[in-house]
Amino acid sequence: MTNRIFLDRHGDLRSGWRIALFLLLFGILSTCLLGLLRFANVYVAMADRFALLISGLAASALMTRYVNHKQFTAIGLTMHPAMFKELGVGCLLGFLMMTGIVIIGMAGGYLAFASRGLGYGGAAAVTAESLVSCAAGALGEEVLFRGYVFQTLVQGVTFLPATLLSSAFFATAHLGNPSVTVFSLMNVALAGVLFAFAYMKTRSLWLPFGIHFTWNFSQSTLYGLPTSGFFIPEKTLILVSQEGPDWILGGNFGPEGGILATAALIIGIWYILKAPYLSVPEGIITLDSVEDLLVSAGAAGKAKT
């Protein structure tokens, strides 16, 4: 009876326990790394992002290796030829979605931009730092929310319930952000749905990471707008003034709190589902595939003969 609580009919640890174990490992690792940063008097957002990213990757590696008996890259980080297309499409899509929001905002008279006068050197420094910071933050969130936990949840409850649950958790993680509203949380959850569909369409994190990365980078650095309630003026390339009701462009929360972002996210989901060139590459190893196990079994059989 006890075995049935922990193990499924195949003798594998049940999905719920695997998720709990991952979260425990992530909690321990992230607490240790963040604690070391605080002990060293490091209070830098980029350092925190890398600490969370490293914790998520390490917890994923331990779980895939010792619980799932898989390659670490099975969480969606497989290096395959199509990854460059997926990453490129994702980066372009995220940029175009945010740029569309900005263009409509400007056309409606809600946004106006001015130069910060940074010069080439200043602009290059801001851009480089923001690229690294946004990449670390986006990849960390994708590993945590669309990586091991989400994929294990899909195995346990199927895709649509897993998407709704993970998107709700994704929104909940933003609950304490400045200037948060019910509408902005709904948009964050909708973004979680977009990223989940992007993963399932390719069984890879490269596409959702690309979208997430350039959405944040364009929003915060290129266009100088708040990102999920956070705004750091010295990390932007231009100055922006915003007018109009918050329900259009989100006010102090940023575009993610407005109706234009809702439209952009819905269009993004539709495009991902309809794009014929986005598909699962042949032979890709995922958490629920058996190709790598079959190869190992075959190699063992040859060794015996």
C-alpha atoms as a PDB file:
ATOM      1  CA  MET A   1       0.000   0.000   0.000  1.00  0.00           C
ATOM      2  CA  THR A   2       2.834   2.376   0.864  1.00  0.00           C
ATOM      3  CA  ASN A   3       4.493   1.710  -2.478  1.00  0.00           C
ATOM      4  CA  ARG A   4       1.305   2.756  -4.288  1.00  0.00           C
ATOM      5  CA  ILE A   5       1.462   6.131  -2.579  1.00  0.00           C
ATOM      6  CA  PHE A   6       4.966   6.832  -3.848  1.00  0.00           C
ATOM      7  CA  LEU A   7       5.266   4.674  -6.985  1.00  0.00           C
ATOM      8  CA  ASP A   8       3.104   4.242 -10.079  1.00  0.00           C
ATOM      9  CA  ARG A   9       2.282   0.930 -11.752  1.00  0.00           C
ATOM     10  CA  HIS A  10       5.614   1.015 -13.599  1.00  0.00           C
ATOM     11  CA  GLY A  11       7.555   1.336 -10.364  1.00  0.00           C
ATOM     12  CA  ASP A  12       8.510   4.969 -11.033  1.00  0.00           C
ATOM     13  CA  LEU A  13       8.171   7.801  -8.521  1.00  0.00           C
ATOM     14  CA  ARG A  14       4.804   9.499  -9.000  1.00  0.00           C
ATOM     15  CA  SER A  15       4.651  12.905 -10.695  1.00  0.00           C
ATOM     16  CA  GLY A  16       3.582  14.759  -7.568  1.00  0.00           C
ATOM     17  CA  TRP A  17       6.513  13.440  -5.549  1.00  0.00           C
ATOM     18  CA  ARG A  18       8.945  14.232  -8.364  1.00  0.00           C
ATOM     19  CA  ILE A  19       7.692  17.804  -8.486  1.00  0.00           C
ATOM     20  CA  ALA A  20       7.913  18.119  -4.703  1.00  0.00           C
ATOM     21  CA  LEU A  21      11.469  16.767  -4.729  1.00  0.00           C
ATOM     22  CA  PHE A  22      12.493  19.188  -7.481  1.00  0.00           C
ATOM     23  CA  LEU A  23      11.036  22.146  -5.584  1.00  0.00           C
ATOM     24  CA  LEU A  24      12.805  21.018  -2.414  1.00  0.00           C
ATOM     25  CA  LEU A  25      16.137  20.810  -4.241  1.00  0.00           C
ATOM     26  CA  PHE A  26      15.572  24.165  -5.915  1.00  0.00           C
ATOM     27  CA  GLY A  27      14.629  25.754  -2.597  1.00  0.00           C
ATOM     28  CA  ILE A  28      17.738  24.445  -0.859  1.00  0.00           C
ATOM     29  CA  LEU A  29      20.099  25.402  -3.683  1.00  0.00           C
ATOM     30  CA  SER A  30      18.627  28.866  -4.253  1.00  0.00           C
ATOM     31  CA  THR A  31      18.585  29.622  -0.527  1.00  0.00           C
ATOM     32  CA  CYS A  32      22.246  28.637  -0.236  1.00  0.00           C
ATOM     33  CA  LEU A  33      23.354  30.645  -3.267  1.00  0.00           C
ATOM     34  CA  LEU A  34      21.350  33.729  -2.351  1.00  0.00           C
ATOM     35  CA  GLY A  35      22.602  33.393   1.212  1.00  0.00           C
ATOM     36  CA  LEU A  36      26.202  33.357  -0.013  1.00  0.00           C
ATOM     37  CA  LEU A  37      25.537  36.510  -2.040  1.00  0.00           C
ATOM     38  CA  ARG A  38      24.078  38.268   0.983  1.00  0.00           C
ATOM     39  CA  PHE A  39      26.974  37.069   3.149  1.00  0.00           C
ATOM     40  CA  ALA A  40      29.320  38.657   0.602  1.00  0.00           C
ATOM     41  CA  ASN A  41      27.204  41.845   0.689  1.00  0.00           C
ATOM     42  CA  VAL A  42      26.150  41.389  -2.944  1.00  0.00           C
ATOM     43  CA  TYR A  43      22.751  42.965  -3.597  1.00  0.00           C
ATOM     44  CA  VAL A  44      22.664  43.019  -7.391  1.00  0.00           C
ATOM     45  CA  ALA A  45      19.604  41.941  -9.366  1.00  0.00           C
ATOM     46  CA  MET A  46      21.702  40.280 -12.071  1.00  0.00           C
ATOM     47  CA  ALA A  47      23.566  38.195  -9.487  1.00  0.00           C
ATOM     48  CA  ASP A  48      20.259  37.054  -8.002  1.00  0.00           C
ATOM     49  CA  ARG A  49      19.007  36.077 -11.444  1.00  0.00           C
ATOM     50  CA  PHE A  50      22.081  33.972 -12.105  1.00  0.00           C
ATOM     51  CA  ALA A  51      21.757  32.364  -8.676  1.00  0.00           C
ATOM     52  CA  LEU A  52      18.172  31.331  -9.434  1.00  0.00           C
ATOM     53  CA  LEU A  53      19.128  30.153 -12.935  1.00  0.00           C
ATOM     54  CA  ILE A  54      22.000  28.028 -11.604  1.00  0.00           C
ATOM     55  CA  SER A  55      19.728  26.596  -8.906  1.00  0.00           C
ATOM     56  CA  GLY A  56      17.068  25.670 -11.456  1.00  0.00           C
ATOM     57  CA  LEU A  57      19.575  24.066 -13.802  1.00  0.00           C
ATOM     58  CA  ALA A  58      21.275  22.144 -10.979  1.00  0.00           C
ATOM     59  CA  ALA A  59      17.976  20.851  -9.572  1.00  0.00           C
ATOM     60  CA  SER A  60      16.911  19.838 -13.092  1.00  0.00           C
ATOM     61  CA  ALA A  61      20.194  18.027 -13.694  1.00  0.00           C
ATOM     62  CA  LEU A  62      19.909  16.064 -10.446  1.00  0.00           C
ATOM     63  CA  MET A  63      16.308  15.070 -11.109  1.00  0.00           C
ATOM     64  CA  THR A  64      16.775  14.083 -14.738  1.00  0.00           C
ATOM     65  CA  ARG A  65      19.912  12.082 -13.967  1.00  0.00           C
ATOM     66  CA  TYR A  66      18.987  10.274 -10.749  1.00  0.00           C
ATOM     67  CA  VAL A  67      15.168  10.107 -10.859  1.00  0.00           C
ATOM     68  CA  ASN A  68      14.258  10.059 -14.563  1.00  0.00           C
ATOM     69  CA  HIS A  69      17.534   8.458 -15.681  1.00  0.00           C
ATOM     70  CA  LYS A  70      17.718  10.870 -18.585  1.00  0.00           C
ATOM     71  CA  GLN A  71      20.156  13.316 -20.080  1.00  0.00           C
ATOM     72  CA  PHE A  72      20.000  16.760 -18.433  1.00  0.00           C
ATOM     73  CA  THR A  73      19.045  18.327 -21.791  1.00  0.00           C
ATOM     74  CA  ALA A  74      15.806  16.301 -21.802  1.00  0.00           C
ATOM     75  CA  ILE A  75      14.088  19.208 -20.010  1.00  0.00           C
ATOM     76  CA  GLY A  76      14.064  21.027 -23.350  1.00  0.00           C
ATOM     77  CA  LEU A  77      17.651  22.228 -23.734  1.00  0.00           C
ATOM     78  CA  THR A  78      18.780  19.711 -26.338  1.00  0.00           C
ATOM     79  CA  MET A  79      21.396  21.101 -28.709  1.00  0.00           C
ATOM     80  CA  HIS A  80      19.999  20.173 -32.126  1.00  0.00           C
ATOM     81  CA  PRO A  81      20.066  21.865 -35.576  1.00  0.00           C
ATOM     82  CA  ALA A  82      16.515  23.225 -35.231  1.00  0.00           C
ATOM     83  CA  MET A  83      17.362  25.049 -31.986  1.00  0.00           C
ATOM     84  CA  PHE A  84      18.783  28.023 -33.892  1.00  0.00           C
ATOM     85  CA  LYS A  85      15.573  28.365 -35.879  1.00  0.00           C
ATOM     86  CA  GLU A  86      13.462  28.042 -32.741  1.00  0.00           C
ATOM     87  CA  LEU A  87      15.564  30.560 -30.834  1.00  0.00           C
ATOM     88  CA  GLY A  88      15.585  32.985 -33.778  1.00  0.00           C
ATOM     89  CA  VAL A  89      11.845  32.735 -34.344  1.00  0.00           C
ATOM     90  CA  GLY A  90      11.244  33.207 -30.632  1.00  0.00           C
ATOM     91  CA  CYS A  91      13.458  36.285 -30.421  1.00  0.00           C
ATOM     92  CA  LEU A  92      11.819  37.830 -33.493  1.00  0.00           C
ATOM     93  CA  LEU A  93       8.316  37.063 -32.259  1.00  0.00           C
ATOM     94  CA  GLY A  94       8.914  38.552 -28.815  1.00  0.00           C
ATOM     95  CA  PHE A  95      10.394  41.700 -30.362  1.00  0.00           C
ATOM     96  CA  LEU A  96       7.553  42.096 -32.880  1.00  0.00           C
ATOM     97  CA  MET A  97       4.862  41.586 -30.247  1.00  0.00           C
ATOM     98  CA  MET A  98       6.285  44.310 -27.997  1.00  0.00           C
ATOM     99  CA  THR A  99       7.039  46.593 -30.952  1.00  0.00           C
ATOM    100  CA  GLY A 100       3.439  46.242 -32.129  1.00  0.00           C
ATOM    101  CA  ILE A 101       2.224  47.343 -28.701  1.00  0.00           C
ATOM    102  CA  VAL A 102       4.535  50.372 -28.781  1.00  0.00           C
ATOM    103  CA  ILE A 103       3.540  51.380 -32.334  1.00  0.00           C
ATOM    104  CA  ILE A 104      -0.158  51.297 -31.458  1.00  0.00           C
ATOM    105  CA  GLY A 105       0.564  53.213 -28.261  1.00  0.00           C
ATOM    106  CA  MET A 106       2.389  55.907 -30.213  1.00  0.00           C
ATOM    107  CA  ALA A 107      -0.319  56.077 -32.880  1.00  0.00           C
ATOM    108  CA  GLY A 108      -2.929  56.564 -30.159  1.00  0.00           C
ATOM    109  CA  GLY A 109      -0.912  59.363 -28.558  1.00  0.00           C
ATOM    110  CA  TYR A 110      -0.260  57.372 -25.393  1.00  0.00           C
ATOM    111  CA  LEU A 111       3.539  57.141 -25.744  1.00  0.00           C
ATOM    112  CA  ALA A 112       6.247  59.658 -26.607  1.00  0.00           C
ATOM    113  CA  PHE A 113       9.987  59.004 -26.669  1.00  0.00           C
ATOM    114  CA  ALA A 114      13.117  61.126 -26.273  1.00  0.00           C
ATOM    115  CA  SER A 115      16.838  60.375 -26.370  1.00  0.00           C
ATOM    116  CA  ARG A 116      18.836  59.907 -23.179  1.00  0.00           C
ATOM    117  CA  GLY A 117      21.936  61.219 -24.922  1.00  0.00           C
ATOM    118  CA  LEU A 118      24.014  58.214 -23.903  1.00  0.00           C
ATOM    119  CA  GLY A 119      26.389  58.231 -26.861  1.00  0.00           C
ATOM    120  CA  TYR A 120      27.722  55.075 -28.497  1.00  0.00           C
ATOM    121  CA  GLY A 121      29.758  53.912 -25.514  1.00  0.00           C
ATOM    122  CA  GLY A 122      26.974  54.434 -22.989  1.00  0.00           C
ATOM    123  CA  ALA A 123      24.372  52.802 -25.225  1.00  0.00           C
ATOM    124  CA  ALA A 124      26.636  49.794 -25.817  1.00  0.00           C
ATOM    125  CA  ALA A 125      27.243  49.351 -22.077  1.00  0.00           C
ATOM    126  CA  VAL A 126      23.546  49.555 -21.212  1.00  0.00           C
ATOM    127  CA  THR A 127      22.638  47.170 -24.039  1.00  0.00           C
ATOM    128  CA  ALA A 128      25.271  44.587 -23.125  1.00  0.00           C
ATOM    129  CA  GLU A 129      24.355  44.541 -19.446  1.00  0.00           C
ATOM    130  CA  SER A 130      20.642  44.352 -20.219  1.00  0.00           C
ATOM    131  CA  LEU A 131      21.105  41.542 -22.734  1.00  0.00           C
ATOM    132  CA  VAL A 132      22.890  39.406 -20.148  1.00  0.00           C
ATOM    133  CA  SER A 133      20.454  40.245 -17.353  1.00  0.00           C
ATOM    134  CA  CYS A 134      17.319  39.676 -19.452  1.00  0.00           C
ATOM    135  CA  ALA A 135      18.703  36.422 -20.860  1.00  0.00           C
ATOM    136  CA  ALA A 136      19.499  35.073 -17.384  1.00  0.00           C
ATOM    137  CA  GLY A 137      16.106  36.105 -16.033  1.00  0.00           C
ATOM    138  CA  ALA A 138      14.120  34.707 -18.965  1.00  0.00           C
ATOM    139  CA  LEU A 139      16.014  31.403 -19.082  1.00  0.00           C
ATOM    140  CA  GLY A 140      15.739  31.008 -15.326  1.00  0.00           C
ATOM    141  CA  GLU A 141      11.967  31.475 -15.414  1.00  0.00           C
ATOM    142  CA  GLU A 142      11.560  29.110 -18.360  1.00  0.00           C
ATOM    143  CA  VAL A 143      13.612  26.406 -16.645  1.00  0.00           C
ATOM    144  CA  LEU A 144      11.565  26.834 -13.476  1.00  0.00           C
ATOM    145  CA  PHE A 145       8.081  27.227 -14.955  1.00  0.00           C
ATOM    146  CA  ARG A 146       8.227  25.364 -18.279  1.00  0.00           C
ATOM    147  CA  GLY A 147      11.056  22.959 -17.479  1.00  0.00           C
ATOM    148  CA  TYR A 148      11.061  19.945 -15.176  1.00  0.00           C
ATOM    149  CA  VAL A 149       7.997  20.867 -13.102  1.00  0.00           C
ATOM    150  CA  PHE A 150       5.710  21.663 -16.039  1.00  0.00           C
ATOM    151  CA  GLN A 151       6.802  18.678 -18.086  1.00  0.00           C
ATOM    152  CA  THR A 152       6.357  16.338 -15.131  1.00  0.00           C
ATOM    153  CA  LEU A 153       2.943  17.868 -14.480  1.00  0.00           C
ATOM    154  CA  VAL A 154       1.971  17.194 -18.097  1.00  0.00           C
ATOM    155  CA  GLN A 155       2.841  13.535 -17.562  1.00  0.00           C
ATOM    156  CA  GLY A 156       0.603  13.451 -14.497  1.00  0.00           C
ATOM    157  CA  VAL A 157      -2.493  15.413 -15.550  1.00  0.00           C
ATOM    158  CA  THR A 158      -2.097  15.966 -19.366  1.00  0.00           C
ATOM    159  CA  PHE A 159      -1.242  19.163 -21.207  1.00  0.00           C
ATOM    160  CA  LEU A 160      -4.204  21.541 -20.799  1.00  0.00           C
ATOM    161  CA  PRO A 161      -4.656  21.118 -17.012  1.00  0.00           C
ATOM    162  CA  ALA A 162      -0.872  21.367 -16.586  1.00  0.00           C
ATOM    163  CA  THR A 163      -0.813  24.563 -18.658  1.00  0.00           C
ATOM    164  CA  LEU A 164      -3.581  26.158 -16.615  1.00  0.00           C
ATOM    165  CA  LEU A 165      -1.941  25.189 -13.322  1.00  0.00           C
ATOM    166  CA  SER A 166       1.571  26.276 -14.314  1.00  0.00           C
ATOM    167  CA  SER A 167       0.263  29.565 -15.745  1.00  0.00           C
ATOM    168  CA  ALA A 168      -1.596  30.245 -12.502  1.00  0.00           C
ATOM    169  CA  PHE A 169       1.618  29.612 -10.541  1.00  0.00           C
ATOM    170  CA  PHE A 170       3.496  31.856 -12.988  1.00  0.00           C
ATOM    171  CA  ALA A 171       1.034  34.662 -12.295  1.00  0.00           C
ATOM    172  CA  THR A 172       1.187  34.022  -8.553  1.00  0.00           C
ATOM    173  CA  ALA A 173       4.961  34.459  -8.650  1.00  0.00           C
ATOM    174  CA  HIS A 174       4.327  38.057  -9.813  1.00  0.00           C
ATOM    175  CA  LEU A 175       1.763  38.747  -7.091  1.00  0.00           C
ATOM    176  CA  GLY A 176       4.168  40.830  -5.015  1.00  0.00           C
ATOM    177  CA  ASN A 177       5.409  42.990  -7.908  1.00  0.00           C
ATOM    178  CA  PRO A 178       4.933  46.774  -7.700  1.00  0.00           C
ATOM    179  CA  SER A 179       1.704  48.215  -9.171  1.00  0.00           C
ATOM    180  CA  VAL A 180       0.252  44.741  -9.757  1.00  0.00           C
ATOM    181  CA  THR A 181      -3.451  44.474 -10.653  1.00  0.00           C
ATOM    182  CA  VAL A 182      -5.887  41.656 -11.317  1.00  0.00           C
ATOM    183  CA  PHE A 183      -5.736  42.461 -15.029  1.00  0.00           C
ATOM    184  CA  SER A 184      -1.937  42.396 -15.098  1.00  0.00           C
ATOM    185  CA  LEU A 185      -1.928  39.007 -13.361  1.00  0.00           C
ATOM    186  CA  MET A 186      -4.354  37.707 -15.988  1.00  0.00           C
ATOM    187  CA  ASN A 187      -1.955  38.843 -18.701  1.00  0.00           C
ATOM    188  CA  VAL A 188       0.990  37.209 -16.941  1.00  0.00           C
ATOM    189  CA  ALA A 189      -1.003  33.973 -16.789  1.00  0.00           C
ATOM    190  CA  LEU A 190      -1.815  34.365 -20.499  1.00  0.00           C
ATOM    191  CA  ALA A 191       1.914  34.771 -21.177  1.00  0.00           C
ATOM    192  CA  GLY A 192       2.416  31.497 -19.303  1.00  0.00           C
ATOM    193  CA  VAL A 193      -0.064  29.862 -21.684  1.00  0.00           C
ATOM    194  CA  LEU A 194       1.870  31.276 -24.653  1.00  0.00           C
ATOM    195  CA  PHE A 195       5.173  29.897 -23.346  1.00  0.00           C
ATOM    196  CA  ALA A 196       3.591  26.512 -22.596  1.00  0.00           C
ATOM    197  CA  PHE A 197       2.247  26.223 -26.148  1.00  0.00           C
ATOM    198  CA  ALA A 198       5.642  27.304 -27.481  1.00  0.00           C
ATOM    199  CA  TYR A 199       7.280  24.489 -25.540  1.00  0.00           C
ATOM    200  CA  MET A 200       4.764  21.837 -26.574  1.00  0.00           C
ATOM    201  CA  LYS A 201       4.907  22.830 -30.254  1.00  0.00           C
ATOM    202  CA  THR A 202       8.655  22.124 -30.350  1.00  0.00           C
ATOM    203  CA  ARG A 203       9.233  20.118 -27.119  1.00  0.00           C
ATOM    204  CA  SER A 204      12.042  22.563 -26.506  1.00  0.00           C
ATOM    205  CA  LEU A 205      12.644  25.596 -24.278  1.00  0.00           C
ATOM    206  CA  TRP A 206      14.463  27.521 -27.009  1.00  0.00           C
ATOM    207  CA  LEU A 207      11.297  28.964 -28.562  1.00  0.00           C
ATOM    208  CA  PRO A 208       9.644  30.151 -25.313  1.00  0.00           C
ATOM    209  CA  PHE A 209      12.997  31.414 -24.032  1.00  0.00           C
ATOM    210  CA  GLY A 210      13.498  33.491 -27.182  1.00  0.00           C
ATOM    211  CA  ILE A 211      10.031  35.043 -26.913  1.00  0.00           C
ATOM    212  CA  HIS A 212      10.407  35.714 -23.194  1.00  0.00           C
ATOM    213  CA  PHE A 213      13.897  37.176 -23.581  1.00  0.00           C
ATOM    214  CA  THR A 214      13.204  39.723 -26.331  1.00  0.00           C
ATOM    215  CA  TRP A 215       9.780  40.631 -24.911  1.00  0.00           C
ATOM    216  CA  ASN A 216      11.501  41.734 -21.684  1.00  0.00           C
ATOM    217  CA  PHE A 217      14.546  43.254 -23.379  1.00  0.00           C
ATOM    218  CA  SER A 218      12.480  45.254 -25.875  1.00  0.00           C
ATOM    219  CA  GLN A 219      10.057  46.386 -23.212  1.00  0.00           C
ATOM    220  CA  SER A 220      12.617  47.532 -20.663  1.00  0.00           C
ATOM    221  CA  THR A 221      15.748  48.536 -22.574  1.00  0.00           C
ATOM    222  CA  LEU A 222      14.747  49.387 -26.145  1.00  0.00           C
ATOM    223  CA  TYR A 223      11.503  51.192 -25.278  1.00  0.00           C
ATOM    224  CA  GLY A 224      12.177  52.231 -21.667  1.00  0.00           C
ATOM    225  CA  LEU A 225       8.915  50.884 -20.247  1.00  0.00           C
ATOM    226  CA  PRO A 226       8.283  49.199 -16.901  1.00  0.00           C
ATOM    227  CA  THR A 227       8.521  45.398 -16.936  1.00  0.00           C
ATOM    228  CA  SER A 228       6.122  43.614 -14.603  1.00  0.00           C
ATOM    229  CA  GLY A 229       6.084  46.656 -12.328  1.00  0.00           C
ATOM    230  CA  PHE A 230       9.857  47.196 -12.231  1.00  0.00           C
ATOM    231  CA  PHE A 231      11.489  50.214 -13.833  1.00  0.00           C
ATOM    232  CA  ILE A 232      15.179  51.137 -13.733  1.00  0.00           C
ATOM    233  CA  PRO A 233      15.725  54.398 -15.679  1.00  0.00           C
ATOM    234  CA  GLU A 234      19.508  53.985 -15.976  1.00  0.00           C
ATOM    235  CA  LYS A 235      19.024  50.630 -17.752  1.00  0.00           C
ATOM    236  CA  THR A 236      17.045  52.101 -20.638  1.00  0.00           C
ATOM    237  CA  LEU A 237      18.257  53.493 -23.962  1.00  0.00           C
ATOM    238  CA  ILE A 238      15.550  56.137 -24.290  1.00  0.00           C
ATOM    239  CA  LEU A 239      13.195  58.224 -22.169  1.00  0.00           C
ATOM    240  CA  VAL A 240       9.460  57.628 -22.438  1.00  0.00           C
ATOM    241  CA  SER A 241       6.389  59.525 -21.296  1.00  0.00           C
ATOM    242  CA  GLN A 242       3.116  57.666 -20.985  1.00  0.00           C
ATOM    243  CA  GLU A 243      -0.436  58.988 -20.942  1.00  0.00           C
ATOM    244  CA  GLY A 244      -3.914  57.545 -21.136  1.00  0.00           C
ATOM    245  CA  PRO A 245      -5.849  55.018 -19.039  1.00  0.00           C
ATOM    246  CA  ASP A 246      -3.929  52.186 -17.419  1.00  0.00           C
ATOM    247  CA  TRP A 247      -6.092  49.512 -19.030  1.00  0.00           C
ATOM    248  CA  ILE A 248      -4.543  50.296 -22.416  1.00  0.00           C
ATOM    249  CA  LEU A 249      -0.798  50.233 -21.633  1.00  0.00           C
ATOM    250  CA  GLY A 250      -0.745  49.026 -18.051  1.00  0.00           C
ATOM    251  CA  GLY A 251       0.367  52.202 -16.283  1.00  0.00           C
ATOM    252  CA  ASN A 252       3.230  51.722 -13.836  1.00  0.00           C
ATOM    253  CA  PHE A 253       3.116  47.932 -14.221  1.00  0.00           C
ATOM    254  CA  GLY A 254       4.100  48.288 -17.873  1.00  0.00           C
ATOM    255  CA  PRO A 255       2.470  47.070 -21.090  1.00  0.00           C
ATOM    256  CA  GLU A 256       1.881  43.623 -19.548  1.00  0.00           C
ATOM    257  CA  GLY A 257      -0.917  45.238 -17.516  1.00  0.00           C
ATOM    258  CA  GLY A 258      -2.865  46.540 -20.528  1.00  0.00           C
ATOM    259  CA  ILE A 259      -5.277  45.335 -23.177  1.00  0.00           C
ATOM    260  CA  LEU A 260      -2.724  45.774 -25.967  1.00  0.00           C
ATOM    261  CA  ALA A 261      -0.578  43.076 -24.357  1.00  0.00           C
ATOM    262  CA  THR A 262      -3.622  40.817 -24.137  1.00  0.00           C
ATOM    263  CA  ALA A 263      -4.140  41.171 -27.884  1.00  0.00           C
ATOM    264  CA  ALA A 264      -0.439  40.626 -28.618  1.00  0.00           C
ATOM    265  CA  LEU A 265      -0.321  37.470 -26.490  1.00  0.00           C
ATOM    266  CA  ILE A 266      -3.429  36.009 -28.134  1.00  0.00           C
ATOM    267  CA  ILE A 267      -1.990  36.708 -31.578  1.00  0.00           C
ATOM    268  CA  GLY A 268       1.291  35.119 -30.473  1.00  0.00           C
ATOM    269  CA  ILE A 269      -0.488  31.955 -29.327  1.00  0.00           C
ATOM    270  CA  TRP A 270      -2.421  31.772 -32.612  1.00  0.00           C
ATOM    271  CA  TYR A 271       0.762  32.213 -34.640  1.00  0.00           C
ATOM    272  CA  ILE A 272       2.660  29.513 -32.771  1.00  0.00           C
ATOM    273  CA  LEU A 273      -0.176  27.048 -33.218  1.00  0.00           C
ATOM    274  CA  LYS A 274      -0.510  27.815 -36.936  1.00  0.00           C
ATOM    275  CA  ALA A 275       3.178  28.150 -37.932  1.00  0.00           C
ATOM    276  CA  PRO A 276       3.876  25.088 -40.135  1.00  0.00           C
ATOM    277  CA  TYR A 277       7.645  25.290 -39.738  1.00  0.00           C
ATOM    278  CA  LEU A 278       7.511  24.885 -35.959  1.00  0.00           C
ATOM    279  CA  SER A 279       7.397  21.221 -34.996  1.00  0.00           C
ATOM    280  CA  VAL A 280       9.084  18.592 -32.835  1.00  0.00           C
ATOM    281  CA  PRO A 281      12.442  17.563 -34.373  1.00  0.00           C
ATOM    282  CA  GLU A 282      12.863  13.862 -35.058  1.00  0.00           C
ATOM    283  CA  GLY A 283      14.746  11.877 -32.431  1.00  0.00           C
ATOM    284  CA  ILE A 284      14.642  14.600 -29.784  1.00  0.00           C
ATOM    285  CA  ILE A 285      14.989  13.287 -26.220  1.00  0.00           C
ATOM    286  CA  THR A 286      12.370  14.508 -23.735  1.00  0.00           C
ATOM    287  CA  LEU A 287      11.479  13.560 -20.165  1.00  0.00           C
ATOM    288  CA  ASP A 288       8.785  11.148 -21.377  1.00  0.00           C
ATOM    289  CA  SER A 289      10.604   9.694 -24.400  1.00  0.00           C
ATOM    290  CA  VAL A 290      12.282   6.265 -24.367  1.00  0.00           C
ATOM    291  CA  GLU A 291      14.808   6.677 -27.174  1.00  0.00           C
ATOM    292  CA  ASP A 292      17.790   7.147 -24.879  1.00  0.00           C
ATOM    293  CA  LEU A 293      16.713   4.228 -22.688  1.00  0.00           C
ATOM    294  CA  LEU A 294      16.338   2.016 -25.737  1.00  0.00           C
ATOM    295  CA  VAL A 295      19.783   2.996 -26.982  1.00  0.00           C
ATOM    296  CA  SER A 296      21.287   2.205 -23.581  1.00  0.00           C
ATOM    297  CA  ALA A 297      19.509  -1.154 -23.459  1.00  0.00           C
ATOM    298  CA  GLY A 298      20.705  -1.982 -26.972  1.00  0.00           C
ATOM    299  CA  ALA A 299      24.270  -1.092 -26.130  1.00  0.00           C
ATOM    300  CA  ALA A 300      24.113  -3.237 -23.003  1.00  0.00           C
ATOM    301  CA  GLY A 301      22.774  -6.146 -25.030  1.00  0.00           C
ATOM    302  CA  LYS A 302      25.635  -5.906 -27.524  1.00  0.00           C
ATOM    303  CA  ALA A 303      28.126  -5.777 -24.704  1.00  0.00           C
ATOM    304  CA  LYS A 304      26.780  -9.071 -23.304  1.00  0.00           C
ATOM    305  CA  THR A 305      27.021 -10.824 -26.656  1.00  0.00           C
END
